[in-house]
């Protein structure tokens, strides 16, 4: 479980093919991470597979590579990193599982003097889970929905988010890892399954 409050951005040190996975390596400047610990990378919950000096290694399987943007990463790319939530921690964002629902494609970016906004598109299957002023996660960043229009939605970024994340460093068409709010998703899914009973 995570909160969507990115702790840092890190550069990908390596993306090395393995027998049934790709080994993703990022720098380890925490110095207290345990083998088997869960860490979110671009909003994807990954397990620490190996600890090397100054390095965290993750094995990313084909299912994850296909369903997230981790398969698009190259050495040197910047990713968002967040360690898992501990009991008693403040929840400054919202509850995030690190289980990506699908891509949210960047349609338009507006970086004006008075406002910074991203307009995104999700599949029709995911659009019911997006609510005005509700929470979503994009590449691991907890954000508030500013507007919804069918399969499109917008988020407005505060200067701190712009400064602490790489959300503005992507071109139009980038498939952000999208996770809908777990509470809203659960309620909507239940209502959809029980409709007409």
N, C-alpha and C. Protein backbone atom coordinates (compact mmCIF):
# COMPACT_ATOMS: atom_id res chain seq x y z
N UNK A 1 0.85 -1.18 0.00
CA UNK A 1 0.00 0.00 0.00
C UNK A 1 0.89 1.24 0.00
N UNK A 2 0.48 2.24 -0.79
CA UNK A 2 1.25 3.47 -0.93
C UNK A 2 0.30 4.66 -0.78
N UNK A 3 0.83 5.87 -0.93
CA UNK A 3 0.00 7.06 -0.79
C UNK A 3 -0.02 7.94 -2.03
N UNK A 4 0.86 7.67 -2.99
CA UNK A 4 0.93 8.51 -4.18
C UNK A 4 1.71 9.79 -3.94
N UNK A 5 2.40 9.88 -2.81
CA UNK A 5 3.29 11.01 -2.56
C UNK A 5 4.70 10.54 -2.90
N UNK A 6 5.16 10.94 -4.07
CA UNK A 6 6.46 10.48 -4.58
C UNK A 6 7.57 10.96 -3.67
N UNK A 7 8.43 10.03 -3.26
CA UNK A 7 9.55 10.39 -2.39
C UNK A 7 10.71 10.98 -3.17
N UNK A 8 10.90 10.47 -4.37
CA UNK A 8 12.02 10.95 -5.18
C UNK A 8 11.84 10.49 -6.61
N UNK A 9 12.60 11.09 -7.51
CA UNK A 9 12.75 10.55 -8.84
C UNK A 9 14.14 9.93 -8.91
N UNK A 10 14.27 8.89 -9.71
CA UNK A 10 15.55 8.19 -9.84
C UNK A 10 15.77 7.85 -11.30
N UNK A 11 17.02 7.75 -11.68
CA UNK A 11 17.39 7.38 -13.04
C UNK A 11 17.52 5.86 -13.15
N UNK A 12 16.95 5.31 -14.19
CA UNK A 12 17.09 3.88 -14.44
C UNK A 12 18.55 3.58 -14.77
N UNK A 13 19.12 2.66 -13.99
CA UNK A 13 20.52 2.30 -14.21
C UNK A 13 20.67 1.20 -15.25
N UNK A 14 19.67 0.34 -15.33
CA UNK A 14 19.73 -0.76 -16.31
C UNK A 14 18.36 -1.37 -16.50
N UNK A 15 18.11 -1.88 -17.70
CA UNK A 15 16.95 -2.69 -18.04
C UNK A 15 17.51 -3.90 -18.77
N UNK A 16 17.72 -4.99 -18.04
CA UNK A 16 18.43 -6.15 -18.58
C UNK A 16 17.49 -7.34 -18.72
N UNK A 17 17.36 -7.90 -19.93
CA UNK A 17 16.48 -9.06 -20.12
C UNK A 17 16.97 -10.26 -19.31
N UNK A 18 16.02 -10.96 -18.67
CA UNK A 18 16.31 -12.19 -17.95
C UNK A 18 15.54 -13.33 -18.58
N UNK A 19 15.54 -14.52 -17.96
CA UNK A 19 14.85 -15.67 -18.55
C UNK A 19 13.34 -15.51 -18.64
N UNK A 20 12.70 -14.93 -17.63
CA UNK A 20 11.25 -14.74 -17.65
C UNK A 20 10.87 -13.34 -17.17
N UNK A 21 11.80 -12.42 -17.27
CA UNK A 21 11.58 -11.08 -16.72
C UNK A 21 12.60 -10.12 -17.32
N UNK A 22 12.42 -8.83 -17.00
CA UNK A 22 13.43 -7.82 -17.27
C UNK A 22 13.91 -7.30 -15.92
N UNK A 23 15.21 -7.26 -15.72
CA UNK A 23 15.78 -6.78 -14.46
C UNK A 23 15.90 -5.25 -14.54
N UNK A 24 15.11 -4.57 -13.71
CA UNK A 24 15.13 -3.11 -13.61
C UNK A 24 15.99 -2.72 -12.43
N UNK A 25 16.94 -1.84 -12.65
CA UNK A 25 17.86 -1.42 -11.60
C UNK A 25 17.79 0.09 -11.43
N UNK A 26 17.61 0.52 -10.17
CA UNK A 26 17.64 1.95 -9.84
C UNK A 26 18.61 2.15 -8.68
N UNK A 27 19.06 3.38 -8.45
CA UNK A 27 19.97 3.62 -7.32
C UNK A 27 19.29 3.41 -5.98
N UNK A 28 20.05 2.94 -5.01
CA UNK A 28 19.56 2.77 -3.64
C UNK A 28 20.27 3.77 -2.75
N UNK A 29 19.59 4.87 -2.45
CA UNK A 29 20.17 5.81 -1.48
C UNK A 29 19.37 5.81 -0.18
N UNK A 30 18.55 4.77 0.02
CA UNK A 30 17.83 4.61 1.28
C UNK A 30 18.71 3.94 2.34
N UNK A 31 19.44 2.91 1.94
CA UNK A 31 20.38 2.19 2.81
C UNK A 31 19.72 1.35 3.91
N UNK A 32 18.39 1.22 3.89
CA UNK A 32 17.74 0.35 4.88
C UNK A 32 16.64 -0.49 4.24
N UNK A 33 16.70 -0.65 2.93
CA UNK A 33 15.71 -1.45 2.22
C UNK A 33 16.04 -2.93 2.41
N UNK A 34 14.99 -3.73 2.62
CA UNK A 34 15.16 -5.17 2.82
C UNK A 34 14.82 -5.94 1.55
N UNK A 35 15.48 -7.07 1.38
CA UNK A 35 15.16 -7.98 0.28
C UNK A 35 13.70 -8.41 0.39
N UNK A 36 12.95 -8.36 -0.70
CA UNK A 36 11.54 -8.73 -0.69
C UNK A 36 10.60 -7.59 -0.36
N UNK A 37 11.13 -6.42 -0.07
CA UNK A 37 10.30 -5.25 0.25
C UNK A 37 9.57 -4.76 -0.99
N UNK A 38 8.39 -4.16 -0.79
CA UNK A 38 7.63 -3.59 -1.89
C UNK A 38 7.96 -2.11 -2.05
N UNK A 39 8.25 -1.72 -3.28
CA UNK A 39 8.54 -0.33 -3.61
C UNK A 39 7.79 -0.01 -4.90
N UNK A 40 7.16 1.15 -4.95
CA UNK A 40 6.45 1.57 -6.16
C UNK A 40 7.41 2.31 -7.09
N UNK A 41 7.49 1.85 -8.33
CA UNK A 41 8.28 2.51 -9.36
C UNK A 41 7.31 2.92 -10.46
N UNK A 42 7.18 4.23 -10.67
CA UNK A 42 6.18 4.77 -11.60
C UNK A 42 4.78 4.26 -11.26
N UNK A 43 4.53 4.09 -9.96
CA UNK A 43 3.20 3.67 -9.51
C UNK A 43 2.95 2.19 -9.58
N UNK A 44 3.96 1.40 -9.93
CA UNK A 44 3.82 -0.06 -10.03
C UNK A 44 4.48 -0.69 -8.82
N UNK A 45 3.73 -1.47 -8.07
CA UNK A 45 4.27 -2.15 -6.90
C UNK A 45 5.22 -3.26 -7.36
N UNK A 46 6.50 -3.12 -7.01
CA UNK A 46 7.51 -4.09 -7.37
C UNK A 46 8.19 -4.63 -6.11
N UNK A 47 8.73 -5.82 -6.23
CA UNK A 47 9.41 -6.47 -5.12
C UNK A 47 10.92 -6.40 -5.32
N UNK A 48 11.63 -6.00 -4.28
CA UNK A 48 13.09 -5.96 -4.35
C UNK A 48 13.60 -7.39 -4.48
N UNK A 49 14.20 -7.69 -5.63
CA UNK A 49 14.68 -9.05 -5.91
C UNK A 49 16.13 -9.23 -5.50
N UNK A 50 16.87 -8.13 -5.49
CA UNK A 50 18.29 -8.22 -5.14
C UNK A 50 18.77 -6.86 -4.66
N UNK A 51 19.66 -6.89 -3.70
CA UNK A 51 20.30 -5.68 -3.20
C UNK A 51 21.78 -5.75 -3.55
N UNK A 52 22.27 -4.77 -4.26
CA UNK A 52 23.69 -4.65 -4.54
C UNK A 52 24.13 -3.31 -3.98
N UNK A 53 25.44 -3.09 -3.89
CA UNK A 53 25.93 -1.85 -3.30
C UNK A 53 25.41 -0.65 -4.10
N UNK A 54 24.56 0.14 -3.44
CA UNK A 54 24.02 1.34 -4.08
C UNK A 54 22.98 1.07 -5.14
N UNK A 55 22.44 -0.16 -5.19
CA UNK A 55 21.49 -0.52 -6.24
C UNK A 55 20.32 -1.32 -5.70
N UNK A 56 19.14 -1.07 -6.27
CA UNK A 56 17.95 -1.88 -6.02
C UNK A 56 17.59 -2.58 -7.32
N UNK A 57 17.40 -3.89 -7.25
CA UNK A 57 17.08 -4.68 -8.44
C UNK A 57 15.66 -5.22 -8.32
N UNK A 58 14.89 -5.11 -9.41
CA UNK A 58 13.52 -5.61 -9.47
C UNK A 58 13.38 -6.48 -10.71
N UNK A 59 12.65 -7.59 -10.58
CA UNK A 59 12.35 -8.45 -11.72
C UNK A 59 10.93 -8.13 -12.21
N UNK A 60 10.84 -7.58 -13.40
CA UNK A 60 9.55 -7.16 -13.96
C UNK A 60 9.11 -8.20 -14.99
N UNK A 61 8.01 -8.89 -14.68
CA UNK A 61 7.56 -9.99 -15.55
C UNK A 61 6.78 -9.46 -16.76
N UNK A 62 6.54 -10.34 -17.72
CA UNK A 62 5.89 -9.95 -18.97
C UNK A 62 4.53 -9.31 -18.75
N UNK A 63 3.74 -9.85 -17.82
CA UNK A 63 2.41 -9.29 -17.54
C UNK A 63 2.51 -7.81 -17.14
N UNK A 64 3.47 -7.50 -16.30
CA UNK A 64 3.67 -6.11 -15.85
C UNK A 64 4.20 -5.25 -16.98
N UNK A 65 5.11 -5.77 -17.76
CA UNK A 65 5.66 -5.02 -18.89
C UNK A 65 4.58 -4.68 -19.90
N UNK A 66 3.64 -5.62 -20.11
CA UNK A 66 2.56 -5.41 -21.09
C UNK A 66 1.52 -4.42 -20.60
N UNK A 67 1.26 -4.41 -19.29
CA UNK A 67 0.15 -3.62 -18.76
C UNK A 67 0.57 -2.25 -18.22
N UNK A 68 1.87 -1.96 -18.21
CA UNK A 68 2.36 -0.69 -17.67
C UNK A 68 3.36 -0.08 -18.65
N UNK A 69 3.84 1.12 -18.29
CA UNK A 69 4.84 1.75 -19.15
C UNK A 69 6.27 1.36 -18.76
N UNK A 70 6.44 0.43 -17.83
CA UNK A 70 7.79 0.02 -17.45
C UNK A 70 8.54 -0.62 -18.63
N UNK A 71 7.79 -1.24 -19.53
CA UNK A 71 8.41 -1.85 -20.70
C UNK A 71 8.95 -0.83 -21.69
N UNK A 72 8.58 0.43 -21.53
CA UNK A 72 9.07 1.50 -22.41
C UNK A 72 10.33 2.16 -21.88
N UNK A 73 10.69 1.83 -20.64
CA UNK A 73 11.83 2.51 -20.01
C UNK A 73 13.15 2.09 -20.63
N UNK A 74 14.07 3.07 -20.63
CA UNK A 74 15.43 2.83 -21.09
C UNK A 74 16.40 3.32 -20.02
N UNK A 75 17.61 2.86 -20.10
CA UNK A 75 18.64 3.33 -19.18
C UNK A 75 18.73 4.85 -19.24
N UNK A 76 18.72 5.48 -18.07
CA UNK A 76 18.79 6.94 -18.00
C UNK A 76 17.46 7.62 -17.84
N UNK A 77 16.35 6.90 -18.09
CA UNK A 77 15.03 7.49 -17.91
C UNK A 77 14.76 7.77 -16.44
N UNK A 78 13.94 8.78 -16.19
CA UNK A 78 13.58 9.16 -14.82
C UNK A 78 12.28 8.47 -14.42
N UNK A 79 12.25 7.90 -13.20
CA UNK A 79 11.05 7.24 -12.68
C UNK A 79 10.73 7.78 -11.29
N UNK A 80 9.46 7.68 -10.92
CA UNK A 80 9.01 8.05 -9.58
C UNK A 80 9.18 6.86 -8.64
N UNK A 81 9.62 7.13 -7.43
CA UNK A 81 9.86 6.07 -6.46
C UNK A 81 9.17 6.42 -5.14
N UNK A 82 8.48 5.42 -4.57
CA UNK A 82 7.85 5.57 -3.25
C UNK A 82 7.93 4.25 -2.50
N UNK A 83 8.41 4.31 -1.27
CA UNK A 83 8.41 3.11 -0.43
C UNK A 83 7.02 2.89 0.13
N UNK A 84 6.76 1.66 0.57
CA UNK A 84 5.42 1.31 1.04
C UNK A 84 5.06 2.04 2.33
N UNK A 85 3.77 2.18 2.53
CA UNK A 85 3.22 2.88 3.70
C UNK A 85 3.43 2.05 4.95
N UNK A 86 3.85 2.72 6.03
CA UNK A 86 3.99 2.05 7.32
C UNK A 86 2.82 2.43 8.22
N UNK A 87 2.42 1.53 9.09
CA UNK A 87 1.36 1.83 10.05
C UNK A 87 1.77 3.04 10.88
N UNK A 88 0.87 4.01 10.96
CA UNK A 88 1.15 5.22 11.73
C UNK A 88 1.64 6.38 10.88
N UNK A 89 1.98 6.12 9.59
CA UNK A 89 2.41 7.21 8.71
C UNK A 89 1.24 8.13 8.37
N UNK A 90 1.56 9.37 8.11
CA UNK A 90 0.54 10.30 7.60
C UNK A 90 0.22 9.92 6.15
N UNK A 91 -1.05 10.06 5.79
CA UNK A 91 -1.47 9.78 4.42
C UNK A 91 -1.76 11.12 3.76
N UNK A 92 -0.76 11.67 3.13
CA UNK A 92 -0.92 12.99 2.51
C UNK A 92 -1.61 12.91 1.16
N UNK A 93 -1.58 11.74 0.53
CA UNK A 93 -2.24 11.56 -0.76
C UNK A 93 -3.54 10.80 -0.58
N UNK A 94 -3.59 9.58 -1.11
CA UNK A 94 -4.73 8.70 -0.91
C UNK A 94 -4.21 7.26 -0.96
N UNK A 95 -5.05 6.31 -0.63
CA UNK A 95 -4.62 4.91 -0.64
C UNK A 95 -4.35 4.45 -2.07
N UNK A 96 -3.14 4.01 -2.31
CA UNK A 96 -2.71 3.55 -3.63
C UNK A 96 -2.17 2.14 -3.49
N UNK A 97 -2.64 1.23 -4.31
CA UNK A 97 -2.21 -0.17 -4.22
C UNK A 97 -0.94 -0.46 -5.02
N UNK A 98 -0.72 0.32 -6.06
CA UNK A 98 0.39 0.00 -6.95
C UNK A 98 0.00 -1.05 -7.97
N UNK A 99 -1.33 -1.27 -8.12
CA UNK A 99 -1.86 -2.20 -9.11
C UNK A 99 -2.47 -1.37 -10.23
N UNK A 100 -1.76 -1.23 -11.30
CA UNK A 100 -2.15 -0.34 -12.40
C UNK A 100 -3.40 -0.87 -13.09
N UNK A 101 -4.39 0.01 -13.28
CA UNK A 101 -5.63 -0.37 -13.95
C UNK A 101 -5.49 -0.36 -15.46
N UNK A 102 -4.61 0.47 -15.97
CA UNK A 102 -4.42 0.58 -17.41
C UNK A 102 -3.72 1.88 -17.73
N UNK A 103 -3.56 2.17 -19.02
CA UNK A 103 -2.89 3.41 -19.40
C UNK A 103 -3.85 4.59 -19.43
N UNK A 104 -3.32 5.76 -19.11
CA UNK A 104 -4.00 7.04 -19.34
C UNK A 104 -3.11 7.81 -20.30
N UNK A 105 -3.55 7.90 -21.55
CA UNK A 105 -2.72 8.49 -22.59
C UNK A 105 -2.75 10.01 -22.50
N UNK A 106 -1.57 10.62 -22.53
CA UNK A 106 -1.48 12.08 -22.51
C UNK A 106 -1.96 12.63 -23.84
N UNK A 107 -3.02 13.44 -23.78
CA UNK A 107 -3.63 14.02 -24.98
C UNK A 107 -3.16 15.45 -25.19
N UNK A 108 -3.04 16.19 -24.09
CA UNK A 108 -2.66 17.60 -24.20
C UNK A 108 -2.00 18.04 -22.90
N UNK A 109 -1.01 18.92 -23.04
CA UNK A 109 -0.35 19.50 -21.89
C UNK A 109 -0.41 21.01 -22.01
N UNK A 110 -0.91 21.66 -20.97
CA UNK A 110 -0.98 23.12 -20.94
C UNK A 110 -0.13 23.63 -19.80
N UNK A 111 0.94 24.32 -20.13
CA UNK A 111 1.83 24.88 -19.11
C UNK A 111 1.88 26.38 -19.29
N UNK A 112 0.82 27.04 -18.78
CA UNK A 112 0.68 28.49 -18.93
C UNK A 112 1.18 29.20 -17.67
N UNK A 113 1.17 30.52 -17.72
CA UNK A 113 1.66 31.30 -16.58
C UNK A 113 0.78 31.12 -15.35
N UNK A 114 -0.53 30.90 -15.58
CA UNK A 114 -1.45 30.83 -14.44
C UNK A 114 -1.83 29.41 -14.05
N UNK A 115 -1.51 28.42 -14.91
CA UNK A 115 -1.97 27.06 -14.60
C UNK A 115 -1.21 26.02 -15.43
N UNK A 116 -1.02 24.85 -14.83
CA UNK A 116 -0.44 23.72 -15.54
C UNK A 116 -1.45 22.58 -15.48
N UNK A 117 -1.85 22.08 -16.66
CA UNK A 117 -2.85 21.02 -16.72
C UNK A 117 -2.42 19.92 -17.68
N UNK A 118 -2.85 18.70 -17.35
CA UNK A 118 -2.71 17.58 -18.25
C UNK A 118 -4.10 17.08 -18.61
N UNK A 119 -4.32 16.82 -19.89
CA UNK A 119 -5.57 16.21 -20.35
C UNK A 119 -5.22 14.80 -20.81
N UNK A 120 -5.99 13.84 -20.32
CA UNK A 120 -5.66 12.43 -20.56
C UNK A 120 -6.88 11.66 -21.03
N UNK A 121 -6.62 10.51 -21.64
CA UNK A 121 -7.70 9.64 -22.12
C UNK A 121 -7.48 8.22 -21.61
N UNK A 122 -8.56 7.62 -21.09
CA UNK A 122 -8.53 6.23 -20.66
C UNK A 122 -9.50 5.42 -21.51
N UNK A 123 -9.49 4.13 -21.34
CA UNK A 123 -10.41 3.27 -22.08
C UNK A 123 -11.83 3.44 -21.56
N UNK A 124 -12.85 3.10 -22.35
CA UNK A 124 -14.23 3.20 -21.87
C UNK A 124 -14.47 2.36 -20.61
N UNK A 125 -13.74 1.27 -20.45
CA UNK A 125 -13.92 0.41 -19.27
C UNK A 125 -13.45 1.10 -17.99
N UNK A 126 -12.51 2.03 -18.11
CA UNK A 126 -11.96 2.70 -16.91
C UNK A 126 -12.65 4.03 -16.59
N UNK A 127 -13.31 4.62 -17.57
CA UNK A 127 -13.89 5.95 -17.36
C UNK A 127 -14.92 6.02 -16.23
N UNK A 128 -15.71 4.96 -15.94
CA UNK A 128 -16.67 5.07 -14.83
C UNK A 128 -16.02 5.26 -13.47
N UNK A 129 -14.73 4.96 -13.35
CA UNK A 129 -14.06 5.04 -12.06
C UNK A 129 -13.45 6.41 -11.79
N UNK A 130 -13.65 7.36 -12.70
CA UNK A 130 -13.07 8.70 -12.55
C UNK A 130 -14.18 9.67 -12.18
N UNK A 131 -14.02 10.34 -11.05
CA UNK A 131 -15.04 11.27 -10.56
C UNK A 131 -14.45 12.66 -10.41
N UNK A 132 -15.24 13.70 -10.73
CA UNK A 132 -14.75 15.07 -10.51
C UNK A 132 -14.35 15.27 -9.04
N UNK A 133 -13.19 15.85 -8.85
CA UNK A 133 -12.61 16.10 -7.52
C UNK A 133 -12.23 14.82 -6.80
N UNK A 134 -12.30 13.68 -7.50
CA UNK A 134 -11.83 12.42 -6.94
C UNK A 134 -10.33 12.29 -7.12
N UNK A 135 -9.79 11.19 -6.62
CA UNK A 135 -8.35 10.95 -6.70
C UNK A 135 -8.02 9.94 -7.78
N UNK A 136 -6.89 10.18 -8.45
CA UNK A 136 -6.32 9.22 -9.39
C UNK A 136 -4.81 9.20 -9.16
N UNK A 137 -4.19 8.17 -9.69
CA UNK A 137 -2.73 8.09 -9.63
C UNK A 137 -2.19 7.98 -11.04
N UNK A 138 -1.22 8.86 -11.36
CA UNK A 138 -0.55 8.82 -12.66
C UNK A 138 0.94 8.61 -12.43
N UNK A 139 1.47 7.51 -12.92
CA UNK A 139 2.87 7.16 -12.71
C UNK A 139 3.27 7.29 -11.24
N UNK A 140 2.33 6.90 -10.36
CA UNK A 140 2.61 6.89 -8.94
C UNK A 140 2.34 8.18 -8.21
N UNK A 141 1.84 9.21 -8.90
CA UNK A 141 1.58 10.51 -8.28
C UNK A 141 0.10 10.66 -7.98
N UNK A 142 -0.23 10.90 -6.72
CA UNK A 142 -1.62 11.13 -6.32
C UNK A 142 -2.06 12.52 -6.79
N UNK A 143 -3.16 12.54 -7.56
CA UNK A 143 -3.65 13.79 -8.13
C UNK A 143 -5.17 13.88 -7.98
N UNK A 144 -5.67 15.11 -7.99
CA UNK A 144 -7.11 15.36 -7.92
C UNK A 144 -7.64 15.64 -9.32
N UNK A 145 -8.75 15.02 -9.65
CA UNK A 145 -9.36 15.21 -10.96
C UNK A 145 -9.99 16.60 -11.03
N UNK A 146 -9.57 17.38 -12.02
CA UNK A 146 -10.09 18.74 -12.17
C UNK A 146 -11.31 18.80 -13.08
N UNK A 147 -11.39 17.88 -14.04
CA UNK A 147 -12.53 17.86 -14.97
C UNK A 147 -12.65 16.48 -15.57
N UNK A 148 -13.89 16.10 -15.92
CA UNK A 148 -14.14 14.80 -16.56
C UNK A 148 -15.06 15.03 -17.75
N UNK A 149 -14.72 14.39 -18.87
CA UNK A 149 -15.54 14.48 -20.08
C UNK A 149 -15.48 13.13 -20.79
N UNK A 150 -16.38 12.22 -20.39
CA UNK A 150 -16.39 10.89 -20.98
C UNK A 150 -15.12 10.13 -20.66
N UNK A 151 -14.38 9.76 -21.71
CA UNK A 151 -13.13 9.02 -21.53
C UNK A 151 -11.95 9.94 -21.26
N UNK A 152 -12.18 11.25 -21.29
CA UNK A 152 -11.12 12.22 -21.04
C UNK A 152 -11.26 12.82 -19.64
N UNK A 153 -10.13 13.11 -19.05
CA UNK A 153 -10.16 13.84 -17.78
C UNK A 153 -8.93 14.73 -17.69
N UNK A 154 -8.98 15.68 -16.77
CA UNK A 154 -7.88 16.63 -16.61
C UNK A 154 -7.43 16.67 -15.16
N UNK A 155 -6.15 16.92 -14.98
CA UNK A 155 -5.60 17.16 -13.65
C UNK A 155 -4.84 18.48 -13.71
N UNK A 156 -4.95 19.27 -12.66
CA UNK A 156 -4.21 20.53 -12.54
C UNK A 156 -3.06 20.30 -11.57
N UNK A 157 -1.87 20.70 -11.97
CA UNK A 157 -0.68 20.44 -11.18
C UNK A 157 -0.23 21.68 -10.42
N UNK A 158 0.00 21.51 -9.13
CA UNK A 158 0.54 22.62 -8.35
C UNK A 158 2.05 22.70 -8.62
N UNK A 159 2.67 23.86 -8.39
CA UNK A 159 4.10 24.01 -8.68
C UNK A 159 4.98 22.98 -7.97
N UNK A 160 4.60 22.59 -6.74
CA UNK A 160 5.40 21.60 -6.01
C UNK A 160 5.41 20.27 -6.74
N UNK A 161 4.26 19.86 -7.27
CA UNK A 161 4.18 18.60 -8.03
C UNK A 161 5.03 18.68 -9.29
N UNK A 162 4.98 19.81 -9.97
CA UNK A 162 5.78 20.00 -11.18
C UNK A 162 7.27 19.88 -10.84
N UNK A 163 7.65 20.46 -9.72
CA UNK A 163 9.06 20.48 -9.33
C UNK A 163 9.56 19.11 -8.87
N UNK A 164 8.71 18.35 -8.19
CA UNK A 164 9.16 17.10 -7.56
C UNK A 164 8.92 15.85 -8.40
N UNK A 165 8.26 16.00 -9.55
CA UNK A 165 7.97 14.84 -10.40
C UNK A 165 8.44 15.10 -11.83
N UNK A 166 8.30 14.07 -12.66
CA UNK A 166 8.66 14.23 -14.08
C UNK A 166 7.42 14.24 -14.98
N UNK A 167 6.26 14.59 -14.43
CA UNK A 167 5.01 14.51 -15.19
C UNK A 167 5.03 15.36 -16.46
N UNK A 168 5.77 16.46 -16.44
CA UNK A 168 5.80 17.35 -17.62
C UNK A 168 6.91 16.99 -18.60
N UNK A 169 7.63 15.94 -18.33
CA UNK A 169 8.77 15.59 -19.18
C UNK A 169 8.40 14.60 -20.29
N UNK A 170 7.11 14.30 -20.41
CA UNK A 170 6.68 13.32 -21.41
C UNK A 170 5.99 14.00 -22.58
N UNK A 171 6.10 13.37 -23.74
CA UNK A 171 5.46 13.88 -24.94
C UNK A 171 4.00 13.43 -24.99
N UNK A 172 3.21 14.13 -25.78
CA UNK A 172 1.82 13.72 -26.03
C UNK A 172 1.84 12.29 -26.56
N UNK A 173 0.93 11.47 -26.02
CA UNK A 173 0.88 10.06 -26.38
C UNK A 173 1.47 9.15 -25.32
N UNK A 174 2.19 9.72 -24.35
CA UNK A 174 2.79 8.89 -23.29
C UNK A 174 1.70 8.19 -22.50
N UNK A 175 1.82 6.87 -22.30
CA UNK A 175 0.80 6.14 -21.54
C UNK A 175 1.14 6.12 -20.03
N UNK A 176 0.65 7.09 -19.31
CA UNK A 176 0.87 7.10 -17.86
C UNK A 176 0.25 5.85 -17.24
N UNK A 177 0.91 5.31 -16.22
CA UNK A 177 0.32 4.23 -15.44
C UNK A 177 -0.82 4.81 -14.61
N UNK A 178 -2.04 4.36 -14.89
CA UNK A 178 -3.23 4.92 -14.26
C UNK A 178 -3.80 3.94 -13.24
N UNK A 179 -4.04 4.44 -12.04
CA UNK A 179 -4.75 3.66 -11.02
C UNK A 179 -5.88 4.52 -10.46
N UNK A 180 -7.09 4.00 -10.56
CA UNK A 180 -8.25 4.70 -10.00
C UNK A 180 -8.26 4.56 -8.49
N UNK A 181 -8.96 5.46 -7.83
CA UNK A 181 -9.09 5.41 -6.38
C UNK A 181 -9.74 4.09 -5.96
N UNK A 182 -9.13 3.40 -5.02
CA UNK A 182 -9.58 2.06 -4.64
C UNK A 182 -10.99 2.07 -4.06
N UNK A 183 -11.33 3.11 -3.30
CA UNK A 183 -12.66 3.16 -2.68
C UNK A 183 -13.72 3.39 -3.75
N UNK A 184 -13.51 4.39 -4.59
CA UNK A 184 -14.46 4.65 -5.66
C UNK A 184 -14.58 3.49 -6.62
N UNK A 185 -13.47 2.86 -6.92
CA UNK A 185 -13.46 1.72 -7.84
C UNK A 185 -14.26 0.56 -7.27
N UNK A 186 -14.10 0.32 -5.98
CA UNK A 186 -14.82 -0.78 -5.33
C UNK A 186 -16.32 -0.54 -5.33
N UNK A 187 -16.72 0.69 -5.01
CA UNK A 187 -18.14 1.04 -4.97
C UNK A 187 -18.77 0.93 -6.35
N UNK A 188 -18.11 1.52 -7.35
CA UNK A 188 -18.65 1.49 -8.71
C UNK A 188 -18.72 0.06 -9.24
N UNK A 189 -17.67 -0.73 -9.00
CA UNK A 189 -17.67 -2.11 -9.47
C UNK A 189 -18.80 -2.92 -8.84
N UNK A 190 -19.04 -2.69 -7.55
CA UNK A 190 -20.13 -3.39 -6.86
C UNK A 190 -21.48 -3.00 -7.46
N UNK A 191 -21.69 -1.70 -7.67
CA UNK A 191 -22.96 -1.24 -8.23
C UNK A 191 -23.17 -1.77 -9.65
N UNK A 192 -22.10 -1.83 -10.42
CA UNK A 192 -22.22 -2.34 -11.79
C UNK A 192 -22.56 -3.83 -11.80
N UNK A 193 -21.97 -4.58 -10.86
CA UNK A 193 -22.23 -6.02 -10.82
C UNK A 193 -23.63 -6.33 -10.32
N UNK A 194 -24.17 -5.48 -9.42
CA UNK A 194 -25.46 -5.77 -8.82
C UNK A 194 -26.62 -5.04 -9.51
N UNK A 195 -26.33 -4.25 -10.52
CA UNK A 195 -27.39 -3.52 -11.24
C UNK A 195 -28.38 -4.52 -11.85
N UNK A 196 -29.66 -4.26 -11.65
CA UNK A 196 -30.69 -5.09 -12.23
C UNK A 196 -31.04 -6.35 -11.46
N UNK A 197 -30.44 -6.51 -10.31
CA UNK A 197 -30.78 -7.72 -9.52
C UNK A 197 -32.15 -7.58 -8.89
